[in-house]
Amino acid sequence: MPTIDRGGVKIYYEAEGEGYPVLFTHGYSATAQMWQPQREALGSRYRFITWDMRGHGRTDSPAQLDAYSEAETVADIAAILDAEGAEQAVIGGLSLGGYMTLGFWQAHPQRCRALVLCDTGPGYRNPTAREQWNETAEQRAVALETRGFEALGRSPEVAQTAAGHRTPQGLANAARGMLKQFDARVIEGLPQISVPTLIIVGENDRPYLAGTDYMAAKIPGARKVVIANAGHASNIDQPAAFNDALLGFLSEVGIPSRAKTGA
């Protein structure tokens, strides 16, 4: 599978199928493998691109903390699209990957044909709430440094992909540099989103129900789908319902499908 080199950091990604590019980013402490339930459904119609963020899976885990940030993650996504020759794509992600999708929109709106935000939130406008989130991220980093991979959670997307990580220090660095939030730019930019946006959330993903409601209210024309009998990893818990919602949205907003055109 291909890799790209960004300043000496090798970024791993996978691309399958042909047609319009659809790039998805995994959640924190997961890997590209979490999108396995979507590979056939999307790969048969589109160019489906998934990747491992810094500190995760088969992507490098640089030692320098400043190599992990929202800006570097956004630049990694742009570099993958460049490697694929894609000027524009559908950009999506789950949890941290969804937040980075919003960050990518802010940096490169012209490269986004549509957005897919799965079981995620837009961050915090309130500095106190943001600091509480960051304290939790720091606790996760310390736990990984002291207990290793045993500190990983047991959520479906993590359990399915945990064996693919190289080092717990990479995940700890990602928690400090990528999971933590440092301003309110993303949440304040929601009303400026001008491309079709699908918001998906599992009905049992209680920590993210309010956040997805907020995004649906603030993003102009956004569509929200609640997946029944699903938790935080709605794409794994109920893959058929998730895929139906996703494919229906892509068709509805006019993303050309190879399966329909026969191209």
C-alpha atoms as a PDB file:
ATOM      1  CA  MET A   1       0.000   0.000   0.000  1.00  0.00           C
ATOM      2  CA  PRO A   2       1.239   3.548  -0.711  1.00  0.00           C
ATOM      3  CA  THR A   3       2.911   5.967   1.662  1.00  0.00           C
ATOM      4  CA  ILE A   4       3.832   9.603   1.295  1.00  0.00           C
ATOM      5  CA  ASP A   5       6.734  11.396   2.940  1.00  0.00           C
ATOM      6  CA  ARG A   6       6.109  14.711   4.674  1.00  0.00           C
ATOM      7  CA  GLY A   7       9.287  16.121   6.095  1.00  0.00           C
ATOM      8  CA  GLY A   8      10.639  12.693   6.911  1.00  0.00           C
ATOM      9  CA  VAL A   9       7.344  11.425   8.382  1.00  0.00           C
ATOM     10  CA  LYS A  10       5.895   8.545   6.379  1.00  0.00           C
ATOM     11  CA  ILE A  11       2.106   8.697   6.144  1.00  0.00           C
ATOM     12  CA  TYR A  12       0.341   5.425   5.342  1.00  0.00           C
ATOM     13  CA  TYR A  13      -2.848   5.370   3.316  1.00  0.00           C
ATOM     14  CA  GLU A  14      -4.999   2.975   1.333  1.00  0.00           C
ATOM     15  CA  ALA A  15      -6.992   3.704  -1.807  1.00  0.00           C
ATOM     16  CA  GLU A  16      -9.302   1.294  -3.568  1.00  0.00           C
ATOM     17  CA  GLY A  17     -11.845   1.433  -6.324  1.00  0.00           C
ATOM     18  CA  GLU A  18     -12.149   3.966  -9.099  1.00  0.00           C
ATOM     19  CA  GLY A  19     -14.177   7.095  -9.501  1.00  0.00           C
ATOM     20  CA  TYR A  20     -14.787  10.218  -7.462  1.00  0.00           C
ATOM     21  CA  PRO A  21     -12.496  10.407  -4.393  1.00  0.00           C
ATOM     22  CA  VAL A  22     -13.972   9.934  -0.918  1.00  0.00           C
ATOM     23  CA  LEU A  23     -11.449  10.290   1.928  1.00  0.00           C
ATOM     24  CA  PHE A  24     -12.262   9.193   5.489  1.00  0.00           C
ATOM     25  CA  THR A  25     -10.217   9.728   8.662  1.00  0.00           C
ATOM     26  CA  HIS A  26     -10.444   7.381  11.664  1.00  0.00           C
ATOM     27  CA  GLY A  27     -10.996   8.251  15.320  1.00  0.00           C
ATOM     28  CA  TYR A  28      -8.369   8.676  18.016  1.00  0.00           C
ATOM     29  CA  SER A  29      -6.505   5.416  18.843  1.00  0.00           C
ATOM     30  CA  ALA A  30      -8.130   3.622  15.897  1.00  0.00           C
ATOM     31  CA  THR A  31      -6.677   3.140  12.390  1.00  0.00           C
ATOM     32  CA  ALA A  32      -7.839   3.031   8.785  1.00  0.00           C
ATOM     33  CA  GLN A  33      -8.920  -0.547   9.480  1.00  0.00           C
ATOM     34  CA  MET A  34     -12.014   0.762  11.256  1.00  0.00           C
ATOM     35  CA  TRP A  35     -13.495   1.562   7.832  1.00  0.00           C
ATOM     36  CA  GLN A  36     -13.416  -2.087   6.724  1.00  0.00           C
ATOM     37  CA  PRO A  37     -17.253  -2.328   6.788  1.00  0.00           C
ATOM     38  CA  GLN A  38     -17.395   0.482   4.224  1.00  0.00           C
ATOM     39  CA  ARG A  39     -14.729  -0.737   1.809  1.00  0.00           C
ATOM     40  CA  GLU A  40     -16.900  -2.810  -0.504  1.00  0.00           C
ATOM     41  CA  ALA A  41     -19.844  -0.403  -0.517  1.00  0.00           C
ATOM     42  CA  LEU A  42     -17.714   2.652  -1.319  1.00  0.00           C
ATOM     43  CA  GLY A  43     -14.885   0.997  -3.236  1.00  0.00           C
ATOM     44  CA  SER A  44     -17.331  -0.380  -5.795  1.00  0.00           C
ATOM     45  CA  ARG A  45     -18.593   3.128  -6.588  1.00  0.00           C
ATOM     46  CA  TYR A  46     -15.862   5.612  -5.688  1.00  0.00           C
ATOM     47  CA  ARG A  47     -12.141   5.991  -5.077  1.00  0.00           C
ATOM     48  CA  PHE A  48     -12.276   5.233  -1.332  1.00  0.00           C
ATOM     49  CA  ILE A  49      -9.247   6.582   0.543  1.00  0.00           C
ATOM     50  CA  THR A  50      -8.454   5.866   4.194  1.00  0.00           C
ATOM     51  CA  TRP A  51      -5.305   6.524   6.161  1.00  0.00           C
ATOM     52  CA  ASP A  52      -3.551   6.277   9.521  1.00  0.00           C
ATOM     53  CA  MET A  53      -2.986   9.541  11.371  1.00  0.00           C
ATOM     54  CA  ARG A  54       0.379  10.352  12.950  1.00  0.00           C
ATOM     55  CA  GLY A  55       1.139   8.137  15.924  1.00  0.00           C
ATOM     56  CA  HIS A  56      -1.421   5.585  14.724  1.00  0.00           C
ATOM     57  CA  GLY A  57      -1.126   2.284  12.884  1.00  0.00           C
ATOM     58  CA  ARG A  58       1.355   2.124  10.040  1.00  0.00           C
ATOM     59  CA  THR A  59       2.061   5.857   9.907  1.00  0.00           C
ATOM     60  CA  ASP A  60       5.232   7.048  11.621  1.00  0.00           C
ATOM     61  CA  SER A  61       5.297   8.249  15.220  1.00  0.00           C
ATOM     62  CA  PRO A  62       7.810  11.109  15.254  1.00  0.00           C
ATOM     63  CA  ALA A  63       9.488  11.892  18.566  1.00  0.00           C
ATOM     64  CA  GLN A  64       8.918  15.669  18.424  1.00  0.00           C
ATOM     65  CA  LEU A  65       5.614  16.747  19.953  1.00  0.00           C
ATOM     66  CA  ASP A  66       5.286  19.644  17.518  1.00  0.00           C
ATOM     67  CA  ALA A  67       4.959  17.098  14.691  1.00  0.00           C
ATOM     68  CA  TYR A  68       1.438  16.360  16.013  1.00  0.00           C
ATOM     69  CA  SER A  69      -1.212  19.018  15.508  1.00  0.00           C
ATOM     70  CA  GLU A  70      -4.434  19.866  13.735  1.00  0.00           C
ATOM     71  CA  ALA A  71      -2.412  21.801  11.156  1.00  0.00           C
ATOM     72  CA  GLU A  72      -0.116  18.854  10.422  1.00  0.00           C
ATOM     73  CA  THR A  73      -3.095  16.490  10.182  1.00  0.00           C
ATOM     74  CA  VAL A  74      -4.867  18.804   7.750  1.00  0.00           C
ATOM     75  CA  ALA A  75      -1.676  19.073   5.705  1.00  0.00           C
ATOM     76  CA  ASP A  76      -1.391  15.269   5.677  1.00  0.00           C
ATOM     77  CA  ILE A  77      -4.904  14.987   4.217  1.00  0.00           C
ATOM     78  CA  ALA A  78      -4.055  17.555   1.547  1.00  0.00           C
ATOM     79  CA  ALA A  79      -0.851  15.686   0.684  1.00  0.00           C
ATOM     80  CA  ILE A  80      -2.733  12.407   0.281  1.00  0.00           C
ATOM     81  CA  LEU A  81      -5.187  14.083  -2.083  1.00  0.00           C
ATOM     82  CA  ASP A  82      -2.234  15.499  -4.007  1.00  0.00           C
ATOM     83  CA  ALA A  83      -0.682  12.034  -4.264  1.00  0.00           C
ATOM     84  CA  GLU A  84      -3.978  10.747  -5.630  1.00  0.00           C
ATOM     85  CA  GLY A  85      -4.258  13.593  -8.120  1.00  0.00           C
ATOM     86  CA  ALA A  86      -7.505  14.733  -6.485  1.00  0.00           C
ATOM     87  CA  GLU A  87      -8.120  18.465  -6.560  1.00  0.00           C
ATOM     88  CA  GLN A  88     -11.398  17.977  -4.720  1.00  0.00           C
ATOM     89  CA  ALA A  89     -13.009  15.155  -2.722  1.00  0.00           C
ATOM     90  CA  VAL A  90     -15.715  14.192  -0.286  1.00  0.00           C
ATOM     91  CA  ILE A  91     -14.022  14.520   3.115  1.00  0.00           C
ATOM     92  CA  GLY A  92     -15.278  12.639   6.165  1.00  0.00           C
ATOM     93  CA  GLY A  93     -14.291  11.183   9.487  1.00  0.00           C
ATOM     94  CA  LEU A  94     -15.415   9.785  12.818  1.00  0.00           C
ATOM     95  CA  SER A  95     -14.811  11.348  16.242  1.00  0.00           C
ATOM     96  CA  LEU A  96     -11.341  12.980  16.096  1.00  0.00           C
ATOM     97  CA  GLY A  97     -11.411  12.272  12.362  1.00  0.00           C
ATOM     98  CA  GLY A  98     -14.638  14.240  12.105  1.00  0.00           C
ATOM     99  CA  TYR A  99     -13.129  17.180  13.959  1.00  0.00           C
ATOM    100  CA  MET A 100     -10.132  17.079  11.608  1.00  0.00           C
ATOM    101  CA  THR A 101     -12.580  17.040   8.692  1.00  0.00           C
ATOM    102  CA  LEU A 102     -13.950  20.355   9.952  1.00  0.00           C
ATOM    103  CA  GLY A 103     -10.391  21.625  10.298  1.00  0.00           C
ATOM    104  CA  PHE A 104      -9.678  20.593   6.716  1.00  0.00           C
ATOM    105  CA  TRP A 105     -12.728  22.492   5.511  1.00  0.00           C
ATOM    106  CA  GLN A 106     -11.497  25.650   7.212  1.00  0.00           C
ATOM    107  CA  ALA A 107      -8.047  25.361   5.645  1.00  0.00           C
ATOM    108  CA  HIS A 108      -9.078  24.091   2.198  1.00  0.00           C
ATOM    109  CA  PRO A 109     -12.756  24.782   1.498  1.00  0.00           C
ATOM    110  CA  GLN A 110     -12.167  24.678  -2.252  1.00  0.00           C
ATOM    111  CA  ARG A 111     -11.024  21.041  -1.982  1.00  0.00           C
ATOM    112  CA  CYS A 112     -14.203  19.844  -0.236  1.00  0.00           C
ATOM    113  CA  ARG A 113     -17.081  18.701  -2.442  1.00  0.00           C
ATOM    114  CA  ALA A 114     -19.061  17.519   0.597  1.00  0.00           C
ATOM    115  CA  LEU A 115     -18.468  16.691   4.272  1.00  0.00           C
ATOM    116  CA  VAL A 116     -19.431  13.614   6.315  1.00  0.00           C
ATOM    117  CA  LEU A 117     -19.233  14.072  10.101  1.00  0.00           C
ATOM    118  CA  CYS A 118     -19.666  10.839  12.056  1.00  0.00           C
ATOM    119  CA  ASP A 119     -20.120  10.607  15.839  1.00  0.00           C
ATOM    120  CA  THR A 120     -18.150  13.776  16.400  1.00  0.00           C
ATOM    121  CA  GLY A 121     -18.432  17.284  17.759  1.00  0.00           C
ATOM    122  CA  PRO A 122     -17.240  20.767  16.790  1.00  0.00           C
ATOM    123  CA  GLY A 123     -15.115  21.427  19.854  1.00  0.00           C
ATOM    124  CA  TYR A 124     -15.757  24.013  22.560  1.00  0.00           C
ATOM    125  CA  ARG A 125     -16.359  27.739  22.537  1.00  0.00           C
ATOM    126  CA  ASN A 126     -16.173  27.901  26.348  1.00  0.00           C
ATOM    127  CA  PRO A 127     -12.524  27.938  27.517  1.00  0.00           C
ATOM    128  CA  THR A 128     -13.383  26.104  30.748  1.00  0.00           C
ATOM    129  CA  ALA A 129     -15.067  23.259  28.884  1.00  0.00           C
ATOM    130  CA  ARG A 130     -12.152  23.112  26.470  1.00  0.00           C
ATOM    131  CA  GLU A 131      -9.685  22.886  29.352  1.00  0.00           C
ATOM    132  CA  GLN A 132     -11.661  20.030  30.893  1.00  0.00           C
ATOM    133  CA  TRP A 133     -11.472  18.188  27.562  1.00  0.00           C
ATOM    134  CA  ASN A 134      -7.742  18.817  27.411  1.00  0.00           C
ATOM    135  CA  GLU A 135      -7.256  17.493  30.930  1.00  0.00           C
ATOM    136  CA  THR A 136      -8.917  14.251  29.853  1.00  0.00           C
ATOM    137  CA  ALA A 137      -6.645  14.090  26.797  1.00  0.00           C
ATOM    138  CA  GLU A 138      -3.598  14.573  29.020  1.00  0.00           C
ATOM    139  CA  GLN A 139      -4.785  11.785  31.316  1.00  0.00           C
ATOM    140  CA  ARG A 140      -5.053   9.473  28.312  1.00  0.00           C
ATOM    141  CA  ALA A 141      -1.524  10.396  27.256  1.00  0.00           C
ATOM    142  CA  VAL A 142      -0.110   9.697  30.733  1.00  0.00           C
ATOM    143  CA  ALA A 143      -1.978   6.384  30.939  1.00  0.00           C
ATOM    144  CA  LEU A 144      -0.481   5.264  27.630  1.00  0.00           C
ATOM    145  CA  GLU A 145       3.006   6.236  28.790  1.00  0.00           C
ATOM    146  CA  THR A 146       2.654   4.351  32.064  1.00  0.00           C
ATOM    147  CA  ARG A 147       0.509   1.352  31.105  1.00  0.00           C
ATOM    148  CA  GLY A 148       1.200   1.021  27.391  1.00  0.00           C
ATOM    149  CA  PHE A 149      -1.435  -0.403  25.083  1.00  0.00           C
ATOM    150  CA  GLU A 150      -3.338  -1.754  28.082  1.00  0.00           C
ATOM    151  CA  ALA A 151      -4.598   1.809  28.529  1.00  0.00           C
ATOM    152  CA  LEU A 152      -6.477   1.738  25.233  1.00  0.00           C
ATOM    153  CA  GLY A 153     -10.234   1.667  25.488  1.00  0.00           C
ATOM    154  CA  ARG A 154     -12.375  -1.249  24.411  1.00  0.00           C
ATOM    155  CA  SER A 155     -14.699   0.569  22.041  1.00  0.00           C
ATOM    156  CA  PRO A 156     -15.419  -1.303  18.785  1.00  0.00           C
ATOM    157  CA  GLU A 157     -13.294   0.923  16.530  1.00  0.00           C
ATOM    158  CA  VAL A 158     -10.312   0.627  18.900  1.00  0.00           C
ATOM    159  CA  ALA A 159     -10.695  -3.078  19.612  1.00  0.00           C
ATOM    160  CA  GLN A 160     -10.850  -3.787  15.885  1.00  0.00           C
ATOM    161  CA  THR A 161      -7.645  -1.888  15.136  1.00  0.00           C
ATOM    162  CA  ALA A 162      -5.474  -1.843  18.297  1.00  0.00           C
ATOM    163  CA  ALA A 163      -3.140  -4.580  17.077  1.00  0.00           C
ATOM    164  CA  GLY A 164      -1.992  -2.307  14.250  1.00  0.00           C
ATOM    165  CA  HIS A 165      -0.338   0.355  16.429  1.00  0.00           C
ATOM    166  CA  ARG A 166       3.441   0.542  16.665  1.00  0.00           C
ATOM    167  CA  THR A 167       4.071   2.399  19.909  1.00  0.00           C
ATOM    168  CA  PRO A 168       1.989   3.777  22.794  1.00  0.00           C
ATOM    169  CA  GLN A 169       4.190   6.886  22.849  1.00  0.00           C
ATOM    170  CA  GLY A 170       2.934   7.808  19.392  1.00  0.00           C
ATOM    171  CA  LEU A 171      -0.641   7.686  20.663  1.00  0.00           C
ATOM    172  CA  ALA A 172       0.337   9.701  23.738  1.00  0.00           C
ATOM    173  CA  ASN A 173       1.898  12.369  21.517  1.00  0.00           C
ATOM    174  CA  ALA A 174      -1.223  12.382  19.337  1.00  0.00           C
ATOM    175  CA  ALA A 175      -3.385  12.931  22.417  1.00  0.00           C
ATOM    176  CA  ARG A 176      -1.322  15.955  23.423  1.00  0.00           C
ATOM    177  CA  GLY A 177      -0.930  17.457  19.975  1.00  0.00           C
ATOM    178  CA  MET A 178      -4.051  16.408  18.065  1.00  0.00           C
ATOM    179  CA  LEU A 179      -6.748  15.421  20.553  1.00  0.00           C
ATOM    180  CA  LYS A 180      -6.312  18.558  22.643  1.00  0.00           C
ATOM    181  CA  GLN A 181      -8.011  21.717  21.396  1.00  0.00           C
ATOM    182  CA  PHE A 182      -6.502  25.194  21.631  1.00  0.00           C
ATOM    183  CA  ASP A 183      -9.126  27.613  20.309  1.00  0.00           C
ATOM    184  CA  ALA A 184     -12.728  27.951  19.128  1.00  0.00           C
ATOM    185  CA  ARG A 185     -12.081  28.389  15.406  1.00  0.00           C
ATOM    186  CA  VAL A 186     -13.790  25.169  14.354  1.00  0.00           C
ATOM    187  CA  ILE A 187     -17.027  25.637  16.266  1.00  0.00           C
ATOM    188  CA  GLU A 188     -17.244  29.307  15.322  1.00  0.00           C
ATOM    189  CA  GLY A 189     -16.754  28.454  11.642  1.00  0.00           C
ATOM    190  CA  LEU A 190     -19.734  26.112  11.323  1.00  0.00           C
ATOM    191  CA  PRO A 191     -22.113  28.721   9.821  1.00  0.00           C
ATOM    192  CA  GLN A 192     -19.636  29.373   6.999  1.00  0.00           C
ATOM    193  CA  ILE A 193     -19.700  25.783   5.708  1.00  0.00           C
ATOM    194  CA  SER A 194     -21.092  26.001   2.192  1.00  0.00           C
ATOM    195  CA  VAL A 195     -20.959  22.420   0.918  1.00  0.00           C
ATOM    196  CA  PRO A 196     -23.445  19.576   1.452  1.00  0.00           C
ATOM    197  CA  THR A 197     -22.885  18.059   4.882  1.00  0.00           C
ATOM    198  CA  LEU A 198     -24.075  14.765   6.321  1.00  0.00           C
ATOM    199  CA  ILE A 199     -24.016  14.257  10.088  1.00  0.00           C
ATOM    200  CA  ILE A 200     -24.289  10.670  11.336  1.00  0.00           C
ATOM    201  CA  VAL A 201     -24.553   9.592  14.979  1.00  0.00           C
ATOM    202  CA  GLY A 202     -25.438   6.367  16.763  1.00  0.00           C
ATOM    203  CA  GLU A 203     -28.564   6.692  18.874  1.00  0.00           C
ATOM    204  CA  ASN A 204     -26.655   5.321  21.879  1.00  0.00           C
ATOM    205  CA  ASP A 205     -23.661   7.638  21.442  1.00  0.00           C
ATOM    206  CA  ARG A 206     -24.914   9.900  24.224  1.00  0.00           C
ATOM    207  CA  PRO A 207     -21.782  12.077  24.605  1.00  0.00           C
ATOM    208  CA  TYR A 208     -22.155  13.212  20.989  1.00  0.00           C
ATOM    209  CA  LEU A 209     -25.917  13.602  20.591  1.00  0.00           C
ATOM    210  CA  ALA A 210     -25.918  17.242  21.709  1.00  0.00           C
ATOM    211  CA  GLY A 211     -22.857  18.061  19.615  1.00  0.00           C
ATOM    212  CA  THR A 212     -24.380  16.598  16.472  1.00  0.00           C
ATOM    213  CA  ASP A 213     -27.628  18.467  17.130  1.00  0.00           C
ATOM    214  CA  TYR A 214     -25.608  21.674  17.436  1.00  0.00           C
ATOM    215  CA  MET A 215     -23.758  21.069  14.168  1.00  0.00           C
ATOM    216  CA  ALA A 216     -26.992  20.219  12.369  1.00  0.00           C
ATOM    217  CA  ALA A 217     -28.466  23.530  13.540  1.00  0.00           C
ATOM    218  CA  LYS A 218     -25.430  25.653  12.702  1.00  0.00           C
ATOM    219  CA  ILE A 219     -24.251  24.194   9.371  1.00  0.00           C
ATOM    220  CA  PRO A 220     -26.480  25.534   6.581  1.00  0.00           C
ATOM    221  CA  GLY A 221     -28.539  22.753   4.981  1.00  0.00           C
ATOM    222  CA  ALA A 222     -26.890  19.969   6.981  1.00  0.00           C
ATOM    223  CA  ARG A 223     -28.655  16.602   7.089  1.00  0.00           C
ATOM    224  CA  LYS A 224     -28.541  14.471  10.228  1.00  0.00           C
ATOM    225  CA  VAL A 225     -29.103  10.721  10.396  1.00  0.00           C
ATOM    226  CA  VAL A 226     -29.405   8.826  13.687  1.00  0.00           C
ATOM    227  CA  ILE A 227     -28.395   5.172  13.378  1.00  0.00           C
ATOM    228  CA  ALA A 228     -30.611   2.931  15.513  1.00  0.00           C
ATOM    229  CA  ASN A 229     -28.978   0.467  17.918  1.00  0.00           C
ATOM    230  CA  ALA A 230     -25.528   1.968  17.375  1.00  0.00           C
ATOM    231  CA  GLY A 231     -22.984   3.538  19.692  1.00  0.00           C
ATOM    232  CA  HIS A 232     -19.927   5.687  19.038  1.00  0.00           C
ATOM    233  CA  ALA A 233     -18.674   3.460  16.210  1.00  0.00           C
ATOM    234  CA  SER A 234     -21.926   3.626  14.263  1.00  0.00           C
ATOM    235  CA  ASN A 235     -20.195   2.475  11.064  1.00  0.00           C
ATOM    236  CA  ILE A 236     -19.140  -0.777  12.794  1.00  0.00           C
ATOM    237  CA  ASP A 237     -22.182  -1.332  15.013  1.00  0.00           C
ATOM    238  CA  GLN A 238     -24.683  -1.019  12.154  1.00  0.00           C
ATOM    239  CA  PRO A 239     -22.728  -1.044   8.889  1.00  0.00           C
ATOM    240  CA  ALA A 240     -25.709  -1.657   6.601  1.00  0.00           C
ATOM    241  CA  ALA A 241     -27.678   1.296   7.961  1.00  0.00           C
ATOM    242  CA  PHE A 242     -24.559   3.488   7.982  1.00  0.00           C
ATOM    243  CA  ASN A 243     -23.705   2.592   4.380  1.00  0.00           C
ATOM    244  CA  ASP A 244     -27.273   3.184   3.233  1.00  0.00           C
ATOM    245  CA  ALA A 245     -27.269   6.645   4.802  1.00  0.00           C
ATOM    246  CA  LEU A 246     -23.888   7.504   3.337  1.00  0.00           C
ATOM    247  CA  LEU A 247     -24.566   6.221  -0.174  1.00  0.00           C
ATOM    248  CA  GLY A 248     -27.991   7.857  -0.209  1.00  0.00           C
ATOM    249  CA  PHE A 249     -26.434  11.199   0.722  1.00  0.00           C
ATOM    250  CA  LEU A 250     -23.684  10.962  -1.899  1.00  0.00           C
ATOM    251  CA  SER A 251     -26.257  10.156  -4.571  1.00  0.00           C
ATOM    252  CA  GLU A 252     -28.580  12.904  -3.402  1.00  0.00           C
ATOM    253  CA  VAL A 253     -25.938  15.623  -3.612  1.00  0.00           C
ATOM    254  CA  GLY A 254     -24.762  14.523  -7.040  1.00  0.00           C
ATOM    255  CA  ILE A 255     -21.452  12.773  -6.348  1.00  0.00           C
ATOM    256  CA  PRO A 256     -20.872  10.735  -9.543  1.00  0.00           C
ATOM    257  CA  SER A 257     -20.960   7.008  -8.887  1.00  0.00           C
ATOM    258  CA  ARG A 258     -19.048   4.553 -11.047  1.00  0.00           C
ATOM    259  CA  ALA A 259     -21.703   1.918 -10.341  1.00  0.00           C
ATOM    260  CA  LYS A 260     -24.370   4.126 -11.914  1.00  0.00           C
ATOM    261  CA  THR A 261     -22.440   5.523 -14.844  1.00  0.00           C
ATOM    262  CA  GLY A 262     -20.690   2.268 -15.782  1.00  0.00           C
ATOM    263  CA  ALA A 263     -17.475   4.214 -16.210  1.00  0.00           C
END
